[in-house]
Amino acid sequence: MPGTIHETTSILGFDIGGTKIAVVLGTFTGEILDFREFPTPASEPFETAFDLMTSTAHELLDSSEKKGLPIPTFVSVAVGGPLDIAKGIIYSPPHLPTWGGIHFKECLEEHFHLPVYFEHDGNACALAEFYFGAGRGAQNVIYLTLGTGLGAGIILNGRIYRGTTDLAGEVGHIRMAEDGPVEYGKAGSWEGFCSASGMVKLAHLRFPDYWPTDIKPTQIMEQALAGEPNARMLIEEMGAWLGKGLAVLVDVLNPEIIIAGTLGVILRDLLLEPAREIVKKEALTQTAQACKIIPAQLGNDLGKISSLAAAIDALR
């Protein structure tokens, strides 16, 4: 099949996050032809979101057809776990609590009458960067989502690693300390220390009189980038926690590259340099020296390209 995929064959992609959903028309070369986005109705039943996704997809396809863009022949989905990737069943991801036991692949196949490919969102981002971004040319790559939550996509010897039950990469669940911000259902989890949601809780925990519980992560990051001392101190602490977790991954998996998603792209060295310093101290010298820790390269297009990644990877 890989030899039969033409560069202009298009894919209908869905990138489903806890904050927004993107519906994308793209190609097997990672080109975004057109897209639509809307806020995720995370507290509503799955059926509400599905109706929005399909109606938005039809609007996109109608518009694309008028522009003379190619009609998609595959559907591709990137969504948070836990999920059964082969069957396309979603089991209540933390940021989509109403999506319990949803046979999403089956719903999409019945609606669009096209082959549907699924991937965990962390894996999908890893594949997008592997094929088209910062991971090009490497064989052993870890992508960290570092967004609302914390997950990882792991590529070993050029192939995505999903684990026995498709749960490889749920690194945010690792307990880093006995106490700390509660994320992923666990106090002191890595996600509690190294995610946008955890950032707000850590900020209030460390500076309760300075930051209220309803402060937005973007506000904290803007302050840190502007040089505000408390915000910089907070981000540096997050970077240290990030490094402690990365040192374990570096020693266990010996990657060439660790790619940092959203927070790494926004905060760059302010977050990543403390992490690199901890990895140098904590990991084996040879593994640490062999691994680059860098921001994701695809920028605002990463989520859109990752929506296409399940089909791209399956059909190559």
Protein backbone atom coordinates (compact mmCIF):
# COMPACT_ATOMS: atom_id res chain seq x y z
CA MET A 1 0.00 0.00 0.00
CA PRO A 2 2.72 2.61 0.77
CA GLY A 3 3.77 2.66 -2.87
CA THR A 4 0.22 3.47 -4.00
CA ILE A 5 -0.18 6.65 -1.91
CA HIS A 6 0.02 9.69 -4.16
CA GLU A 7 1.32 12.94 -2.72
CA THR A 8 -2.00 14.67 -3.38
CA THR A 9 -4.14 11.99 -1.70
CA SER A 10 -5.91 13.74 1.13
CA ILE A 11 -6.90 12.78 4.66
CA LEU A 12 -9.72 14.07 6.85
CA GLY A 13 -8.12 14.53 10.27
CA PHE A 14 -9.54 15.14 13.74
CA ASP A 15 -7.31 16.50 16.51
CA ILE A 16 -9.33 16.20 19.71
CA GLY A 17 -8.06 18.02 22.77
CA GLY A 18 -9.57 18.98 26.08
CA THR A 19 -9.76 22.65 25.04
CA LYS A 20 -10.40 22.59 21.28
CA ILE A 21 -11.07 20.26 18.38
CA ALA A 22 -9.53 20.76 14.95
CA VAL A 23 -11.01 19.28 11.78
CA VAL A 24 -8.35 19.16 9.08
CA LEU A 25 -7.97 18.37 5.41
CA GLY A 26 -4.35 17.47 4.70
CA THR A 27 -2.02 15.32 2.63
CA PHE A 28 0.37 12.43 3.24
CA THR A 29 3.25 14.90 2.99
CA GLY A 30 1.93 16.79 6.03
CA GLU A 31 0.54 19.72 4.06
CA ILE A 32 -2.53 21.38 5.61
CA LEU A 33 -4.99 22.18 2.84
CA ASP A 34 -7.79 23.58 5.01
CA PHE A 35 -9.09 23.33 8.58
CA ARG A 36 -11.72 24.39 11.08
CA GLU A 37 -11.51 24.65 14.89
CA PHE A 38 -14.07 24.94 17.69
CA PRO A 39 -14.04 24.71 21.52
CA THR A 40 -14.36 21.20 22.91
CA PRO A 41 -17.70 20.68 24.68
CA ALA A 42 -15.82 18.62 27.28
CA SER A 43 -18.61 18.56 29.87
CA GLU A 44 -21.28 17.59 27.33
CA PRO A 45 -22.10 14.03 26.23
CA PHE A 46 -20.03 12.51 23.44
CA GLU A 47 -22.97 12.77 21.04
CA THR A 48 -22.86 16.57 21.26
CA ALA A 49 -19.20 16.66 20.28
CA PHE A 50 -19.70 14.06 17.54
CA ASP A 51 -22.50 16.11 15.96
CA LEU A 52 -20.25 19.18 16.02
CA MET A 53 -17.33 17.27 14.54
CA THR A 54 -19.29 15.76 11.69
CA SER A 55 -21.20 18.95 10.81
CA THR A 56 -17.92 20.91 10.86
CA ALA A 57 -16.28 18.25 8.70
CA HIS A 58 -19.05 18.49 6.11
CA GLU A 59 -18.73 22.29 6.05
CA LEU A 60 -14.98 21.89 5.52
CA LEU A 61 -15.43 19.29 2.77
CA ASP A 62 -18.07 21.35 0.96
CA SER A 63 -15.78 24.39 1.03
CA SER A 64 -12.77 22.32 -0.04
CA GLU A 65 -14.66 20.80 -2.97
CA LYS A 66 -15.56 24.29 -4.23
CA LYS A 67 -11.86 25.21 -4.06
CA GLY A 68 -10.97 22.13 -6.11
CA LEU A 69 -9.11 20.42 -3.27
CA PRO A 70 -8.86 16.60 -3.31
CA ILE A 71 -11.62 14.56 -1.69
CA PRO A 72 -10.29 12.58 1.32
CA THR A 73 -9.95 8.83 1.06
CA PHE A 74 -9.05 8.18 4.73
CA VAL A 75 -10.03 9.50 8.16
CA SER A 76 -7.37 9.96 10.86
CA VAL A 77 -7.88 10.73 14.56
CA ALA A 78 -5.57 11.95 17.35
CA VAL A 79 -7.16 11.83 20.80
CA GLY A 80 -6.06 11.47 24.41
CA GLY A 81 -5.99 8.07 26.12
CA PRO A 82 -6.70 5.71 27.57
CA LEU A 83 -7.97 4.11 24.38
CA ASP A 84 -7.87 0.90 22.35
CA ILE A 85 -6.05 2.14 19.26
CA ALA A 86 -6.85 -0.75 16.90
CA LYS A 87 -10.56 -0.76 17.76
CA GLY A 88 -10.82 3.01 18.20
CA ILE A 89 -12.51 2.80 21.60
CA ILE A 90 -12.08 5.73 24.01
CA TYR A 91 -12.14 5.12 27.78
CA SER A 92 -12.87 8.43 29.56
CA PRO A 93 -9.66 10.47 29.06
CA PRO A 94 -9.03 12.84 32.01
CA HIS A 95 -9.99 15.89 29.93
CA LEU A 96 -12.98 14.20 28.25
CA PRO A 97 -14.67 12.57 31.25
CA THR A 98 -18.00 11.94 29.49
CA TRP A 99 -16.35 9.87 26.73
CA GLY A 100 -16.52 6.49 28.44
CA GLY A 101 -16.37 3.31 26.35
CA ILE A 102 -17.08 5.20 23.12
CA HIS A 103 -16.66 3.15 19.92
CA PHE A 104 -15.45 6.24 18.10
CA LYS A 105 -13.87 4.50 15.11
CA GLU A 106 -17.07 2.62 14.42
CA CYS A 107 -19.10 5.86 14.61
CA LEU A 108 -16.79 7.58 12.11
CA GLU A 109 -16.74 4.61 9.72
CA GLU A 110 -20.53 4.47 9.69
CA HIS A 111 -20.80 8.22 9.12
CA PHE A 112 -18.11 8.81 6.48
CA HIS A 113 -17.88 5.32 4.89
CA LEU A 114 -14.09 5.63 4.78
CA PRO A 115 -11.24 3.70 6.47
CA VAL A 116 -10.50 5.25 9.88
CA TYR A 117 -7.12 5.22 11.67
CA PHE A 118 -6.65 6.11 15.35
CA GLU A 119 -3.71 7.20 17.44
CA HIS A 120 -3.08 8.45 20.96
CA ASP A 121 -2.50 12.21 20.77
CA GLY A 122 0.98 11.98 22.30
CA ASN A 123 1.94 9.30 19.77
CA ALA A 124 0.41 11.33 16.94
CA CYS A 125 2.46 14.41 17.86
CA ALA A 126 5.57 12.25 18.12
CA LEU A 127 4.92 10.89 14.62
CA ALA A 128 4.26 14.37 13.22
CA GLU A 129 7.58 15.67 14.56
CA PHE A 130 9.32 12.42 13.53
CA TYR A 131 8.20 12.67 9.91
CA PHE A 132 8.09 16.43 9.39
CA GLY A 133 9.65 18.29 12.35
CA ALA A 134 12.39 18.16 14.98
CA GLY A 135 12.64 14.35 14.90
CA ARG A 136 13.46 13.98 11.20
CA GLY A 137 16.41 11.67 10.67
CA ALA A 138 16.36 10.26 14.21
CA GLN A 139 15.37 6.71 15.17
CA ASN A 140 14.76 6.99 18.93
CA VAL A 141 12.54 9.93 19.83
CA ILE A 142 10.37 10.92 22.81
CA TYR A 143 7.75 13.61 22.38
CA LEU A 144 6.31 15.20 25.55
CA THR A 145 2.90 16.85 25.14
CA LEU A 146 3.55 19.40 27.95
CA GLY A 147 0.15 20.99 27.40
CA THR A 148 -3.01 20.94 29.50
CA GLY A 149 -1.75 17.55 30.67
CA LEU A 150 1.49 15.58 30.32
CA GLY A 151 1.89 12.54 28.12
CA ALA A 152 4.55 11.10 25.84
CA GLY A 153 4.84 9.58 22.42
CA ILE A 154 7.73 7.12 22.18
CA ILE A 155 9.42 6.10 18.92
CA LEU A 156 11.98 3.32 19.21
CA ASN A 157 14.04 2.13 16.26
CA GLY A 158 11.85 4.20 13.95
CA ARG A 159 8.54 2.70 15.11
CA ILE A 160 5.93 4.04 17.49
CA TYR A 161 5.88 2.10 20.77
CA ARG A 162 2.36 1.62 22.17
CA GLY A 163 2.92 -1.04 24.84
CA THR A 164 0.82 -4.09 25.71
CA THR A 165 -2.47 -2.24 26.26
CA ASP A 166 -1.81 0.94 24.23
CA LEU A 167 -0.89 2.82 27.42
CA ALA A 168 2.83 3.34 26.85
CA GLY A 169 3.65 7.01 27.30
CA GLU A 170 1.26 7.83 30.13
CA VAL A 171 4.21 9.42 31.92
CA GLY A 172 2.13 12.11 33.62
CA HIS A 173 0.87 9.45 36.04
CA ILE A 174 4.35 8.83 37.50
CA ARG A 175 4.58 10.00 41.11
CA MET A 176 7.48 12.40 41.50
CA ALA A 177 6.91 13.34 45.16
CA GLU A 178 4.77 12.24 48.08
CA ASP A 179 2.95 15.54 47.98
CA GLY A 180 2.31 18.21 45.39
CA PRO A 181 -0.31 19.39 42.92
CA VAL A 182 -3.00 16.80 42.18
CA GLU A 183 -3.26 15.94 38.48
CA TYR A 184 -4.02 12.63 36.78
CA GLY A 185 -5.71 11.57 40.04
CA LYS A 186 -2.49 11.56 42.04
CA ALA A 187 -0.84 14.09 44.36
CA GLY A 188 2.77 14.75 43.38
CA SER A 189 2.35 13.31 39.87
CA TRP A 190 4.69 14.40 37.08
CA GLU A 191 1.67 15.95 35.36
CA GLY A 192 1.01 17.92 38.56
CA PHE A 193 4.44 19.51 38.34
CA CYS A 194 4.83 19.73 34.56
CA SER A 195 1.59 20.69 32.82
CA ALA A 196 -0.46 23.82 32.29
CA SER A 197 -3.13 22.60 34.71
CA GLY A 198 -0.48 21.67 37.27
CA MET A 199 1.25 25.02 36.81
CA VAL A 200 -1.78 26.87 38.19
CA LYS A 201 -1.99 24.58 41.22
CA LEU A 202 1.75 24.75 41.85
CA ALA A 203 1.66 28.54 41.58
CA HIS A 204 -1.05 28.80 44.23
CA LEU A 205 0.70 26.20 46.40
CA ARG A 206 4.04 28.06 46.32
CA PHE A 207 2.69 31.63 46.32
CA PRO A 208 -0.84 31.48 47.81
CA ASP A 209 -0.99 35.21 48.51
CA TYR A 210 0.27 36.15 45.05
CA TRP A 211 -1.62 33.86 42.66
CA PRO A 212 -5.28 32.89 43.13
CA THR A 213 -6.57 29.46 42.16
CA ASP A 214 -8.24 30.86 39.05
CA ILE A 215 -5.10 32.35 37.51
CA LYS A 216 -4.65 31.23 33.89
CA PRO A 217 -1.45 29.44 32.80
CA THR A 218 -1.02 31.96 29.99
CA GLN A 219 -0.90 34.79 32.54
CA ILE A 220 1.83 33.06 34.54
CA MET A 221 3.85 32.35 31.41
CA GLU A 222 3.52 35.93 30.19
CA GLN A 223 4.80 37.16 33.56
CA ALA A 224 7.71 34.70 33.49
CA LEU A 225 8.73 35.73 29.97
CA ALA A 226 8.53 39.39 31.06
CA GLY A 227 10.96 38.66 33.91
CA GLU A 228 8.60 38.72 36.91
CA PRO A 229 10.66 37.07 39.71
CA ASN A 230 7.99 34.82 41.25
CA ALA A 231 6.87 33.57 37.84
CA ARG A 232 10.44 32.86 36.78
CA MET A 233 11.09 31.02 40.04
CA LEU A 234 7.98 28.91 39.45
CA ILE A 235 8.96 28.00 35.86
CA GLU A 236 12.49 27.15 36.97
CA GLU A 237 11.06 24.79 39.60
CA MET A 238 8.87 23.20 36.94
CA GLY A 239 11.98 22.82 34.78
CA ALA A 240 13.78 21.01 37.60
CA TRP A 241 10.85 18.59 38.03
CA LEU A 242 10.80 18.13 34.29
CA GLY A 243 14.49 17.25 34.33
CA LYS A 244 14.06 14.67 37.11
CA GLY A 245 11.48 12.81 35.06
CA LEU A 246 13.45 13.14 31.86
CA ALA A 247 16.57 11.71 33.49
CA VAL A 248 14.66 8.49 34.13
CA LEU A 249 13.39 8.33 30.55
CA VAL A 250 16.87 9.07 29.22
CA ASP A 251 18.43 6.23 31.25
CA VAL A 252 15.67 3.72 30.45
CA LEU A 253 15.11 4.45 26.75
CA ASN A 254 18.40 6.08 25.64
CA PRO A 255 16.75 8.41 23.08
CA GLU A 256 18.51 10.67 20.59
CA ILE A 257 15.99 13.47 20.97
CA ILE A 258 13.37 14.54 23.50
CA ILE A 259 10.94 17.01 21.94
CA ALA A 260 9.03 19.32 24.29
CA GLY A 261 5.51 20.32 23.26
CA THR A 262 3.42 23.39 24.06
CA LEU A 263 5.05 24.68 27.26
CA GLY A 264 8.49 23.92 25.85
CA VAL A 265 7.68 25.88 22.69
CA ILE A 266 6.34 28.90 24.61
CA LEU A 267 8.88 29.01 27.45
CA ARG A 268 11.84 27.47 25.62
CA ASP A 269 15.12 27.73 27.60
CA LEU A 270 13.41 29.26 30.63
CA LEU A 271 11.82 25.82 31.19
CA LEU A 272 14.17 23.54 29.27
CA GLU A 273 17.58 24.74 30.48
CA PRO A 274 16.88 23.79 34.15
CA ALA A 275 15.65 20.43 32.84
CA ARG A 276 18.83 19.90 30.81
CA GLU A 277 20.99 20.72 33.85
CA ILE A 278 19.15 18.16 35.99
CA VAL A 279 19.45 15.50 33.26
CA LYS A 280 23.23 16.11 33.18
CA LYS A 281 23.41 15.54 36.94
CA GLU A 282 20.94 12.67 37.25
CA ALA A 283 21.29 10.54 34.09
CA LEU A 284 24.20 8.39 32.99
CA THR A 285 26.82 10.52 31.27
CA GLN A 286 26.69 8.61 27.98
CA THR A 287 22.90 8.65 27.75
CA ALA A 288 22.67 12.32 28.71
CA GLN A 289 25.33 13.36 26.19
CA ALA A 290 23.62 11.41 23.42
CA CYS A 291 20.25 13.12 23.91
CA LYS A 292 19.13 16.57 22.77
CA ILE A 293 16.21 18.21 24.61
CA ILE A 294 14.57 20.68 22.24
CA PRO A 295 11.23 22.43 21.60
CA ALA A 296 8.80 21.05 19.04
CA GLN A 297 9.43 22.47 15.57
CA LEU A 298 6.02 22.38 13.89
CA GLY A 299 4.59 25.25 15.95
CA ASN A 300 0.91 26.03 15.50
CA ASP A 301 0.63 23.34 12.82
CA LEU A 302 1.62 20.49 15.15
CA GLY A 303 -1.91 19.63 16.27
CA LYS A 304 -3.22 19.82 12.73
CA ILE A 305 -0.45 17.63 11.31
CA SER A 306 -0.79 15.19 14.22
CA SER A 307 -4.45 14.71 13.25
CA LEU A 308 -3.18 13.16 10.01
CA ALA A 309 -0.42 11.06 11.62
CA ALA A 310 -2.38 7.87 12.31
CA ALA A 311 -3.19 7.43 8.63
CA ILE A 312 0.24 8.59 7.46
CA ASP A 313 2.04 6.09 9.73
CA ALA A 314 -0.32 3.19 9.05
CA LEU A 315 -0.12 3.55 5.28
CA ARG A 316 3.61 4.21 4.85
